[in-house]
Amino acid sequence: MSDDRLLFISFPFISRLPIDLVKEEYGTLLSDLSLRRPLSFDDVLEWFKDNKIVISSGRIEFSHPSYFEAFEIFFEESLGVNIKSSVVSRVLLRLSEIDEAAWDVGRIVEHYFDKLPNDLRNELLLRLSEKEKTSTTVAWLLANNFAKLPASLRKRLLSVLLEKPGTLRAIAWAIRYNFDSFSGDLENLLLRLSDIEEASWDVGRIVKVYFNRLPSSLRNELLLKLAKKTKSTKIAARIIANQYRDLPHEIQNVLSILANSEKTARAVSWAISTNFGRIQKDARDDLLLQLSKRREAIRICCGF
């Protein structure tokens, strides 16, 4: 297949794109690729139309799934071609910069993550991380493929993704499952994530799993933050109940917050029961008074 026809057919492979967008980008890429005597957009459309390609609701798409499947085989076979000379790669890079098409490029990266050449995949990840429509997709790709990406790329992606909405839970997930491989200012990153409701439960899991590897001051500060978040109050209470055998003043303050919730009162009661003699009497009495109003804690409290 000639490069101009390959260029054209790459668009419906990536997505059902508006015909006006395909026409504009086809012309732009023809100029960039410096092809010899290429077909104009109208001519190449006519060449494919009603055979492999149809126009539906103003969008270009394959006329039958078998054509998509055939091109997919070709695409996978062409992935070893140098990024600068691959027509399909150039289309992907170009469309990654266009808001209307970027999400579909992200889908291609996700589906062919392990098959794309590293330089192409990494460049696409960087470009897509800059866009709000695709930053969440990139964040989860980073989380689920953390060890496959070079440390320098991970650092660049994180610096961008931390400023995008909807990415922080994926970043917390990445830390949780790649704790030993994580570099950078992990302490400040965890503190920042613990302030975000959507990421708080995953931060709680990090504190639970890596409890003995986190500095005590960081653990205590994280638990104080987590106790104030709806999604992480329960895990914060359970961490205190199961991990602490000597409650510092900061953690007693956390218990005071957690004692006000019915869903965490039971765990707070267990924390008090295992540290009863080590909690300052005034603080302990205040906690017991709070817990006496919570049905889940009454049975345990009555055993003191």
C-alpha atoms as a PDB file:
ATOM      1  CA  MET A   1       0.000   0.000   0.000  1.00  0.00           C
ATOM      2  CA  SER A   2       1.344   3.441  -0.914  1.00  0.00           C
ATOM      3  CA  ASP A   3       2.186   5.823   1.914  1.00  0.00           C
ATOM      4  CA  ASP A   4      -0.603   8.271   1.063  1.00  0.00           C
ATOM      5  CA  ARG A   5      -3.215   5.498   1.232  1.00  0.00           C
ATOM      6  CA  LEU A   6      -1.611   4.162   4.421  1.00  0.00           C
ATOM      7  CA  LEU A   7      -1.742   7.658   5.889  1.00  0.00           C
ATOM      8  CA  PHE A   8      -5.434   7.965   5.133  1.00  0.00           C
ATOM      9  CA  ILE A   9      -6.439   4.515   6.387  1.00  0.00           C
ATOM     10  CA  SER A  10      -4.613   5.105   9.692  1.00  0.00           C
ATOM     11  CA  PHE A  11      -7.280   7.614  10.772  1.00  0.00           C
ATOM     12  CA  PRO A  12     -10.267   5.223  10.923  1.00  0.00           C
ATOM     13  CA  PHE A  13      -8.045   2.648  12.594  1.00  0.00           C
ATOM     14  CA  ILE A  14      -7.453   5.066  15.473  1.00  0.00           C
ATOM     15  CA  SER A  15     -11.041   6.291  15.758  1.00  0.00           C
ATOM     16  CA  ARG A  16     -14.281   7.374  14.061  1.00  0.00           C
ATOM     17  CA  LEU A  17     -13.062  10.906  13.451  1.00  0.00           C
ATOM     18  CA  PRO A  18     -14.977  13.789  11.829  1.00  0.00           C
ATOM     19  CA  ILE A  19     -14.306  14.004   8.113  1.00  0.00           C
ATOM     20  CA  ASP A  20     -13.274  17.680   8.344  1.00  0.00           C
ATOM     21  CA  LEU A  21     -10.648  16.859  10.966  1.00  0.00           C
ATOM     22  CA  VAL A  22      -9.286  13.948   8.926  1.00  0.00           C
ATOM     23  CA  LYS A  23      -9.108  16.136   5.813  1.00  0.00           C
ATOM     24  CA  GLU A  24      -7.167  18.856   7.613  1.00  0.00           C
ATOM     25  CA  GLU A  25      -4.734  16.489   9.328  1.00  0.00           C
ATOM     26  CA  TYR A  26      -4.246  14.408   6.188  1.00  0.00           C
ATOM     27  CA  GLY A  27      -3.122  17.557   4.386  1.00  0.00           C
ATOM     28  CA  THR A  28      -0.827  18.586   7.244  1.00  0.00           C
ATOM     29  CA  LEU A  29       0.826  15.188   7.432  1.00  0.00           C
ATOM     30  CA  LEU A  30       1.239  14.979   3.656  1.00  0.00           C
ATOM     31  CA  SER A  31       3.355  18.120   3.883  1.00  0.00           C
ATOM     32  CA  ASP A  32       5.332  16.812   6.859  1.00  0.00           C
ATOM     33  CA  LEU A  33       6.054  13.467   5.207  1.00  0.00           C
ATOM     34  CA  SER A  34       7.072  15.019   1.861  1.00  0.00           C
ATOM     35  CA  LEU A  35       5.486  12.202  -0.137  1.00  0.00           C
ATOM     36  CA  ARG A  36       5.994  12.119  -3.903  1.00  0.00           C
ATOM     37  CA  ARG A  37       2.868  12.786  -5.960  1.00  0.00           C
ATOM     38  CA  PRO A  38       0.382  11.818  -3.236  1.00  0.00           C
ATOM     39  CA  LEU A  39      -3.345  11.601  -3.813  1.00  0.00           C
ATOM     40  CA  SER A  40      -5.382  14.569  -2.637  1.00  0.00           C
ATOM     41  CA  PHE A  41      -7.800  13.974   0.212  1.00  0.00           C
ATOM     42  CA  ASP A  42     -10.800  13.871  -2.115  1.00  0.00           C
ATOM     43  CA  ASP A  43      -9.066  11.398  -4.426  1.00  0.00           C
ATOM     44  CA  VAL A  44      -7.882   9.083  -1.650  1.00  0.00           C
ATOM     45  CA  LEU A  45     -11.332   9.184  -0.056  1.00  0.00           C
ATOM     46  CA  GLU A  46     -12.905   8.275  -3.377  1.00  0.00           C
ATOM     47  CA  TRP A  47     -10.411   5.438  -3.801  1.00  0.00           C
ATOM     48  CA  PHE A  48     -11.499   3.834  -0.470  1.00  0.00           C
ATOM     49  CA  LYS A  49     -15.117   4.966  -0.317  1.00  0.00           C
ATOM     50  CA  ASP A  50     -17.909   2.367  -0.438  1.00  0.00           C
ATOM     51  CA  ASN A  51     -15.315  -0.379  -0.383  1.00  0.00           C
ATOM     52  CA  LYS A  52     -13.302  -0.289   2.823  1.00  0.00           C
ATOM     53  CA  ILE A  53     -14.507   3.098   4.097  1.00  0.00           C
ATOM     54  CA  VAL A  54     -17.918   4.669   4.682  1.00  0.00           C
ATOM     55  CA  ILE A  55     -19.021   8.074   5.938  1.00  0.00           C
ATOM     56  CA  SER A  56     -21.516   7.823   8.797  1.00  0.00           C
ATOM     57  CA  SER A  57     -22.886  10.887  10.611  1.00  0.00           C
ATOM     58  CA  GLY A  58     -20.037  12.953   9.226  1.00  0.00           C
ATOM     59  CA  ARG A  59     -17.369  10.545  10.494  1.00  0.00           C
ATOM     60  CA  ILE A  60     -15.017   8.214   8.638  1.00  0.00           C
ATOM     61  CA  GLU A  61     -15.060   4.553   9.617  1.00  0.00           C
ATOM     62  CA  PHE A  62     -14.311   1.097   8.244  1.00  0.00           C
ATOM     63  CA  SER A  63     -17.208  -0.416   6.324  1.00  0.00           C
ATOM     64  CA  HIS A  64     -16.736  -3.812   8.017  1.00  0.00           C
ATOM     65  CA  PRO A  65     -14.887  -5.079  11.131  1.00  0.00           C
ATOM     66  CA  SER A  66     -12.789  -7.382   8.960  1.00  0.00           C
ATOM     67  CA  TYR A  67     -11.061  -4.353   7.428  1.00  0.00           C
ATOM     68  CA  PHE A  68     -10.186  -3.065  10.881  1.00  0.00           C
ATOM     69  CA  GLU A  69      -8.810  -6.479  11.832  1.00  0.00           C
ATOM     70  CA  ALA A  70      -6.736  -6.673   8.655  1.00  0.00           C
ATOM     71  CA  PHE A  71      -5.239  -3.248   9.264  1.00  0.00           C
ATOM     72  CA  GLU A  72      -4.564  -4.162  12.901  1.00  0.00           C
ATOM     73  CA  ILE A  73      -2.400  -7.064  11.722  1.00  0.00           C
ATOM     74  CA  PHE A  74      -0.509  -4.697   9.436  1.00  0.00           C
ATOM     75  CA  PHE A  75      -0.144  -2.169  12.263  1.00  0.00           C
ATOM     76  CA  GLU A  76       1.342  -4.733  14.647  1.00  0.00           C
ATOM     77  CA  GLU A  77       3.757  -5.944  11.987  1.00  0.00           C
ATOM     78  CA  SER A  78       4.887  -2.383  11.267  1.00  0.00           C
ATOM     79  CA  LEU A  79       5.657  -1.496  14.897  1.00  0.00           C
ATOM     80  CA  GLY A  80       9.289  -2.381  14.487  1.00  0.00           C
ATOM     81  CA  VAL A  81       9.753   0.385  11.926  1.00  0.00           C
ATOM     82  CA  ASN A  82      11.742   3.427  13.060  1.00  0.00           C
ATOM     83  CA  ILE A  83       9.438   5.997  14.656  1.00  0.00           C
ATOM     84  CA  LYS A  84      10.451   8.720  12.192  1.00  0.00           C
ATOM     85  CA  SER A  85       9.683   6.673   9.124  1.00  0.00           C
ATOM     86  CA  SER A  86       6.465   4.994  10.272  1.00  0.00           C
ATOM     87  CA  VAL A  87       3.404   6.669   8.777  1.00  0.00           C
ATOM     88  CA  VAL A  88       1.068   5.276  11.444  1.00  0.00           C
ATOM     89  CA  SER A  89       3.394   6.515  14.187  1.00  0.00           C
ATOM     90  CA  ARG A  90       3.333   9.993  12.715  1.00  0.00           C
ATOM     91  CA  VAL A  91      -0.464   9.946  12.685  1.00  0.00           C
ATOM     92  CA  LEU A  92      -0.546   8.879  16.334  1.00  0.00           C
ATOM     93  CA  LEU A  93       1.866  11.619  17.349  1.00  0.00           C
ATOM     94  CA  ARG A  94      -0.073  14.238  15.426  1.00  0.00           C
ATOM     95  CA  LEU A  95      -3.470  13.221  16.795  1.00  0.00           C
ATOM     96  CA  SER A  96      -2.140  13.083  20.359  1.00  0.00           C
ATOM     97  CA  GLU A  97      -1.915  16.887  20.165  1.00  0.00           C
ATOM     98  CA  ILE A  98      -5.551  17.333  19.105  1.00  0.00           C
ATOM     99  CA  ASP A  99      -8.163  17.401  21.863  1.00  0.00           C
ATOM    100  CA  GLU A 100     -10.848  15.721  19.790  1.00  0.00           C
ATOM    101  CA  ALA A 101      -8.638  12.729  19.001  1.00  0.00           C
ATOM    102  CA  ALA A 102      -6.309  12.480  22.014  1.00  0.00           C
ATOM    103  CA  TRP A 103      -8.542  10.142  24.045  1.00  0.00           C
ATOM    104  CA  ASP A 104      -8.580   7.650  21.165  1.00  0.00           C
ATOM    105  CA  VAL A 105      -4.801   7.799  20.917  1.00  0.00           C
ATOM    106  CA  GLY A 106      -4.673   7.039  24.644  1.00  0.00           C
ATOM    107  CA  ARG A 107      -6.832   3.977  24.001  1.00  0.00           C
ATOM    108  CA  ILE A 108      -4.359   2.807  21.331  1.00  0.00           C
ATOM    109  CA  VAL A 109      -1.450   3.269  23.759  1.00  0.00           C
ATOM    110  CA  GLU A 110      -3.296   1.299  26.437  1.00  0.00           C
ATOM    111  CA  HIS A 111      -4.224  -1.551  24.090  1.00  0.00           C
ATOM    112  CA  TYR A 112      -0.782  -1.871  22.470  1.00  0.00           C
ATOM    113  CA  PHE A 113       1.300  -0.795  25.478  1.00  0.00           C
ATOM    114  CA  ASP A 114       3.714  -3.734  25.326  1.00  0.00           C
ATOM    115  CA  LYS A 115       3.899  -3.749  21.521  1.00  0.00           C
ATOM    116  CA  LEU A 116       4.570  -0.103  20.745  1.00  0.00           C
ATOM    117  CA  PRO A 117       8.222   0.872  20.320  1.00  0.00           C
ATOM    118  CA  ASN A 118       9.435   2.356  23.601  1.00  0.00           C
ATOM    119  CA  ASP A 119      10.359   5.729  22.090  1.00  0.00           C
ATOM    120  CA  LEU A 120       6.935   6.100  20.456  1.00  0.00           C
ATOM    121  CA  ARG A 121       5.035   4.929  23.516  1.00  0.00           C
ATOM    122  CA  ASN A 122       6.972   7.181  25.878  1.00  0.00           C
ATOM    123  CA  GLU A 123       6.563  10.242  23.673  1.00  0.00           C
ATOM    124  CA  LEU A 124       2.828   9.621  23.409  1.00  0.00           C
ATOM    125  CA  LEU A 125       2.558   9.248  27.191  1.00  0.00           C
ATOM    126  CA  LEU A 126       4.301  12.579  27.711  1.00  0.00           C
ATOM    127  CA  ARG A 127       2.071  14.371  25.218  1.00  0.00           C
ATOM    128  CA  LEU A 128      -1.137  12.814  26.525  1.00  0.00           C
ATOM    129  CA  SER A 129      -0.237  13.570  30.154  1.00  0.00           C
ATOM    130  CA  GLU A 130      -0.474  17.275  29.352  1.00  0.00           C
ATOM    131  CA  LYS A 131      -4.144  17.044  28.354  1.00  0.00           C
ATOM    132  CA  GLU A 132      -6.920  16.942  30.924  1.00  0.00           C
ATOM    133  CA  LYS A 133      -8.984  14.575  28.767  1.00  0.00           C
ATOM    134  CA  THR A 134      -6.222  11.967  28.763  1.00  0.00           C
ATOM    135  CA  SER A 135      -4.208  12.659  31.925  1.00  0.00           C
ATOM    136  CA  THR A 136      -6.240  10.182  33.993  1.00  0.00           C
ATOM    137  CA  THR A 137      -5.673   7.466  31.370  1.00  0.00           C
ATOM    138  CA  VAL A 138      -1.932   8.154  31.476  1.00  0.00           C
ATOM    139  CA  ALA A 139      -1.930   8.121  35.291  1.00  0.00           C
ATOM    140  CA  TRP A 140      -3.440   4.633  35.363  1.00  0.00           C
ATOM    141  CA  LEU A 141      -1.078   3.452  32.622  1.00  0.00           C
ATOM    142  CA  LEU A 142       1.787   4.707  34.795  1.00  0.00           C
ATOM    143  CA  ALA A 143       0.375   2.967  37.874  1.00  0.00           C
ATOM    144  CA  ASN A 144      -0.194  -0.363  36.130  1.00  0.00           C
ATOM    145  CA  ASN A 145       3.075  -0.397  34.172  1.00  0.00           C
ATOM    146  CA  PHE A 146       5.356   1.385  36.614  1.00  0.00           C
ATOM    147  CA  ALA A 147       8.279  -1.035  36.441  1.00  0.00           C
ATOM    148  CA  LYS A 148       8.231  -1.062  32.631  1.00  0.00           C
ATOM    149  CA  LEU A 149       8.952   2.660  32.322  1.00  0.00           C
ATOM    150  CA  PRO A 150      12.346   4.292  32.846  1.00  0.00           C
ATOM    151  CA  ALA A 151      12.767   6.237  36.089  1.00  0.00           C
ATOM    152  CA  SER A 152      13.414   9.488  34.227  1.00  0.00           C
ATOM    153  CA  LEU A 153      10.107   9.172  32.355  1.00  0.00           C
ATOM    154  CA  ARG A 154       8.213   8.278  35.534  1.00  0.00           C
ATOM    155  CA  LYS A 155       9.559  11.410  37.191  1.00  0.00           C
ATOM    156  CA  ARG A 156       8.517  13.629  34.264  1.00  0.00           C
ATOM    157  CA  LEU A 157       5.060  12.088  34.094  1.00  0.00           C
ATOM    158  CA  LEU A 158       4.490  12.468  37.837  1.00  0.00           C
ATOM    159  CA  SER A 159       5.480  16.125  37.808  1.00  0.00           C
ATOM    160  CA  VAL A 160       2.809  16.792  35.165  1.00  0.00           C
ATOM    161  CA  LEU A 161       0.099  14.445  36.435  1.00  0.00           C
ATOM    162  CA  LEU A 162       0.170  15.796  39.991  1.00  0.00           C
ATOM    163  CA  GLU A 163      -1.260  19.047  38.637  1.00  0.00           C
ATOM    164  CA  LYS A 164      -4.116  17.378  36.745  1.00  0.00           C
ATOM    165  CA  PRO A 165      -7.572  16.616  38.185  1.00  0.00           C
ATOM    166  CA  GLY A 166      -8.586  12.984  38.531  1.00  0.00           C
ATOM    167  CA  THR A 167      -5.066  11.538  38.576  1.00  0.00           C
ATOM    168  CA  LEU A 168      -4.195  11.382  42.259  1.00  0.00           C
ATOM    169  CA  ARG A 169      -5.828   8.071  43.095  1.00  0.00           C
ATOM    170  CA  ALA A 170      -3.843   6.412  40.306  1.00  0.00           C
ATOM    171  CA  ILE A 171      -0.649   7.982  41.678  1.00  0.00           C
ATOM    172  CA  ALA A 172      -1.457   6.675  45.168  1.00  0.00           C
ATOM    173  CA  TRP A 173      -2.045   3.257  43.593  1.00  0.00           C
ATOM    174  CA  ALA A 174       1.358   3.486  41.889  1.00  0.00           C
ATOM    175  CA  ILE A 175       3.055   4.172  45.225  1.00  0.00           C
ATOM    176  CA  ARG A 176       1.137   1.392  46.964  1.00  0.00           C
ATOM    177  CA  TYR A 177       2.264  -1.295  44.521  1.00  0.00           C
ATOM    178  CA  ASN A 178       5.722   0.089  43.715  1.00  0.00           C
ATOM    179  CA  PHE A 179       6.828   1.418  47.081  1.00  0.00           C
ATOM    180  CA  ASP A 180      10.397   0.127  46.837  1.00  0.00           C
ATOM    181  CA  SER A 181      10.870   1.531  43.337  1.00  0.00           C
ATOM    182  CA  PHE A 182       9.530   4.968  44.108  1.00  0.00           C
ATOM    183  CA  SER A 183      12.049   7.778  44.119  1.00  0.00           C
ATOM    184  CA  GLY A 184      11.728  11.449  44.909  1.00  0.00           C
ATOM    185  CA  ASP A 185      10.117  13.239  47.812  1.00  0.00           C
ATOM    186  CA  LEU A 186       7.813  10.443  48.879  1.00  0.00           C
ATOM    187  CA  GLU A 187       6.990  12.038  52.231  1.00  0.00           C
ATOM    188  CA  ASN A 188       5.579  15.248  50.789  1.00  0.00           C
ATOM    189  CA  LEU A 189       3.827  13.316  48.041  1.00  0.00           C
ATOM    190  CA  LEU A 190       1.998  11.116  50.574  1.00  0.00           C
ATOM    191  CA  LEU A 191       1.018  14.151  52.637  1.00  0.00           C
ATOM    192  CA  ARG A 192      -0.349  15.826  49.551  1.00  0.00           C
ATOM    193  CA  LEU A 193      -2.304  12.738  48.479  1.00  0.00           C
ATOM    194  CA  SER A 194      -3.772  12.291  51.958  1.00  0.00           C
ATOM    195  CA  ASP A 195      -5.470  15.663  51.575  1.00  0.00           C
ATOM    196  CA  ILE A 196      -7.419  14.376  48.551  1.00  0.00           C
ATOM    197  CA  GLU A 197     -10.602  12.420  49.277  1.00  0.00           C
ATOM    198  CA  GLU A 198     -10.323  10.222  46.166  1.00  0.00           C
ATOM    199  CA  ALA A 199      -6.787   9.113  47.083  1.00  0.00           C
ATOM    200  CA  SER A 200      -7.153   8.884  50.879  1.00  0.00           C
ATOM    201  CA  TRP A 201      -8.123   5.192  51.089  1.00  0.00           C
ATOM    202  CA  ASP A 202      -5.114   4.156  49.002  1.00  0.00           C
ATOM    203  CA  VAL A 203      -2.845   6.265  51.219  1.00  0.00           C
ATOM    204  CA  GLY A 204      -4.357   4.431  54.176  1.00  0.00           C
ATOM    205  CA  ARG A 205      -3.415   1.125  52.561  1.00  0.00           C
ATOM    206  CA  ILE A 206       0.139   2.402  52.095  1.00  0.00           C
ATOM    207  CA  VAL A 207       0.358   3.324  55.799  1.00  0.00           C
ATOM    208  CA  LYS A 208      -1.045  -0.087  56.768  1.00  0.00           C
ATOM    209  CA  VAL A 209       1.263  -2.169  54.559  1.00  0.00           C
ATOM    210  CA  TYR A 210       4.441  -0.122  55.093  1.00  0.00           C
ATOM    211  CA  PHE A 211       3.720   0.970  58.662  1.00  0.00           C
ATOM    212  CA  ASN A 212       7.124   0.002  60.069  1.00  0.00           C
ATOM    213  CA  ARG A 213       9.009   1.582  57.169  1.00  0.00           C
ATOM    214  CA  LEU A 214       7.478   5.026  57.466  1.00  0.00           C
ATOM    215  CA  PRO A 215       8.914   7.569  59.930  1.00  0.00           C
ATOM    216  CA  SER A 216       6.708   7.756  63.036  1.00  0.00           C
ATOM    217  CA  SER A 217       6.165  11.489  62.603  1.00  0.00           C
ATOM    218  CA  LEU A 218       4.966  10.925  59.033  1.00  0.00           C
ATOM    219  CA  ARG A 219       2.664   8.052  60.083  1.00  0.00           C
ATOM    220  CA  ASN A 220       1.073  10.167  62.767  1.00  0.00           C
ATOM    221  CA  GLU A 221       0.534  13.144  60.482  1.00  0.00           C
ATOM    222  CA  LEU A 222      -0.926  10.968  57.753  1.00  0.00           C
ATOM    223  CA  LEU A 223      -3.341   9.296  60.172  1.00  0.00           C
ATOM    224  CA  LEU A 224      -4.517  12.681  61.410  1.00  0.00           C
ATOM    225  CA  LYS A 225      -5.290  13.701  57.831  1.00  0.00           C
ATOM    226  CA  LEU A 226      -6.904  10.368  56.968  1.00  0.00           C
ATOM    227  CA  ALA A 227      -9.145  10.533  60.023  1.00  0.00           C
ATOM    228  CA  LYS A 228     -10.773  13.628  58.538  1.00  0.00           C
ATOM    229  CA  LYS A 229     -11.583  12.031  55.183  1.00  0.00           C
ATOM    230  CA  THR A 230     -14.806  10.094  54.634  1.00  0.00           C
ATOM    231  CA  LYS A 231     -13.200   7.308  52.585  1.00  0.00           C
ATOM    232  CA  SER A 232     -10.299   6.650  54.944  1.00  0.00           C
ATOM    233  CA  THR A 233     -11.668   7.037  58.491  1.00  0.00           C
ATOM    234  CA  LYS A 234     -12.254   3.318  58.900  1.00  0.00           C
ATOM    235  CA  ILE A 235      -8.813   2.239  57.740  1.00  0.00           C
ATOM    236  CA  ALA A 236      -7.193   4.917  59.921  1.00  0.00           C
ATOM    237  CA  ALA A 237      -9.055   3.581  62.956  1.00  0.00           C
ATOM    238  CA  ARG A 238      -8.069  -0.004  62.196  1.00  0.00           C
ATOM    239  CA  ILE A 239      -4.410   0.929  61.743  1.00  0.00           C
ATOM    240  CA  ILE A 240      -4.361   2.556  65.179  1.00  0.00           C
ATOM    241  CA  ALA A 241      -6.208  -0.382  66.775  1.00  0.00           C
ATOM    242  CA  ASN A 242      -3.905  -3.009  65.234  1.00  0.00           C
ATOM    243  CA  GLN A 243      -0.502  -1.303  65.075  1.00  0.00           C
ATOM    244  CA  TYR A 244      -0.123   0.910  68.125  1.00  0.00           C
ATOM    245  CA  ARG A 245       0.719  -0.420  71.572  1.00  0.00           C
ATOM    246  CA  ASP A 246       1.755   2.951  72.943  1.00  0.00           C
ATOM    247  CA  LEU A 247      -0.393   5.851  71.827  1.00  0.00           C
ATOM    248  CA  PRO A 248       1.495   9.134  71.372  1.00  0.00           C
ATOM    249  CA  HIS A 249      -0.348  12.380  72.054  1.00  0.00           C
ATOM    250  CA  GLU A 250      -0.885  12.997  68.302  1.00  0.00           C
ATOM    251  CA  ILE A 251      -2.625   9.643  67.891  1.00  0.00           C
ATOM    252  CA  GLN A 252      -4.817  10.282  70.911  1.00  0.00           C
ATOM    253  CA  ASN A 253      -5.999  13.390  69.062  1.00  0.00           C
ATOM    254  CA  VAL A 254      -6.750  11.252  66.027  1.00  0.00           C
ATOM    255  CA  LEU A 255      -8.802   8.893  68.191  1.00  0.00           C
ATOM    256  CA  SER A 256     -10.792  11.855  69.452  1.00  0.00           C
ATOM    257  CA  ILE A 257     -11.783  12.642  65.848  1.00  0.00           C
ATOM    258  CA  LEU A 258     -12.576   9.028  65.010  1.00  0.00           C
ATOM    259  CA  ALA A 259     -14.638   8.477  68.175  1.00  0.00           C
ATOM    260  CA  ASN A 260     -17.289  10.805  66.757  1.00  0.00           C
ATOM    261  CA  SER A 261     -18.161   8.376  63.956  1.00  0.00           C
ATOM    262  CA  GLU A 262     -20.330   5.297  64.367  1.00  0.00           C
ATOM    263  CA  LYS A 263     -18.405   3.401  61.694  1.00  0.00           C
ATOM    264  CA  THR A 264     -15.036   3.863  63.441  1.00  0.00           C
ATOM    265  CA  ALA A 265     -16.125   3.773  67.086  1.00  0.00           C
ATOM    266  CA  ARG A 266     -15.527   0.018  67.428  1.00  0.00           C
ATOM    267  CA  ALA A 267     -11.929   0.265  66.224  1.00  0.00           C
ATOM    268  CA  VAL A 268     -11.326   3.231  68.531  1.00  0.00           C
ATOM    269  CA  SER A 269     -12.650   1.149  71.440  1.00  0.00           C
ATOM    270  CA  TRP A 270     -10.164  -1.619  70.666  1.00  0.00           C
ATOM    271  CA  ALA A 271      -7.333   0.929  70.463  1.00  0.00           C
ATOM    272  CA  ILE A 272      -8.251   2.223  73.900  1.00  0.00           C
ATOM    273  CA  SER A 273      -8.613  -1.269  75.355  1.00  0.00           C
ATOM    274  CA  THR A 274      -5.102  -2.278  74.265  1.00  0.00           C
ATOM    275  CA  ASN A 275      -3.574   0.981  75.496  1.00  0.00           C
ATOM    276  CA  PHE A 276      -5.835   1.659  78.466  1.00  0.00           C
ATOM    277  CA  GLY A 277      -3.135   2.283  81.051  1.00  0.00           C
ATOM    278  CA  ARG A 278      -0.961   4.269  78.671  1.00  0.00           C
ATOM    279  CA  ILE A 279      -3.505   6.952  77.778  1.00  0.00           C
ATOM    280  CA  GLN A 280      -3.611  10.064  79.915  1.00  0.00           C
ATOM    281  CA  LYS A 281      -6.647   9.786  82.229  1.00  0.00           C
ATOM    282  CA  ASP A 282      -8.335  13.008  81.105  1.00  0.00           C
ATOM    283  CA  ALA A 283      -7.965  12.091  77.427  1.00  0.00           C
ATOM    284  CA  ARG A 284      -9.144   8.544  78.112  1.00  0.00           C
ATOM    285  CA  ASP A 285     -12.219   9.731  80.004  1.00  0.00           C
ATOM    286  CA  ASP A 286     -13.116  12.113  77.183  1.00  0.00           C
ATOM    287  CA  LEU A 287     -12.799   9.309  74.648  1.00  0.00           C
ATOM    288  CA  LEU A 288     -14.930   6.937  76.720  1.00  0.00           C
ATOM    289  CA  LEU A 289     -17.583   9.619  77.085  1.00  0.00           C
ATOM    290  CA  GLN A 290     -17.643  10.093  73.307  1.00  0.00           C
ATOM    291  CA  LEU A 291     -17.776   6.345  72.708  1.00  0.00           C
ATOM    292  CA  SER A 292     -20.632   5.877  75.161  1.00  0.00           C
ATOM    293  CA  LYS A 293     -22.840   7.594  72.587  1.00  0.00           C
ATOM    294  CA  ARG A 294     -21.868   5.104  69.888  1.00  0.00           C
ATOM    295  CA  ARG A 295     -23.779   1.812  69.722  1.00  0.00           C
ATOM    296  CA  GLU A 296     -20.875  -0.078  68.137  1.00  0.00           C
ATOM    297  CA  ALA A 297     -18.559   0.822  71.024  1.00  0.00           C
ATOM    298  CA  ILE A 298     -20.811   0.287  74.033  1.00  0.00           C
ATOM    299  CA  ARG A 299     -20.171  -3.455  74.392  1.00  0.00           C
ATOM    300  CA  ILE A 300     -16.399  -3.004  74.379  1.00  0.00           C
ATOM    301  CA  CYS A 301     -16.515   0.054  76.608  1.00  0.00           C
ATOM    302  CA  CYS A 302     -18.595  -1.794  79.175  1.00  0.00           C
ATOM    303  CA  GLY A 303     -15.835  -4.368  79.496  1.00  0.00           C
ATOM    304  CA  PHE A 304     -13.333  -1.881  80.944  1.00  0.00           C
END
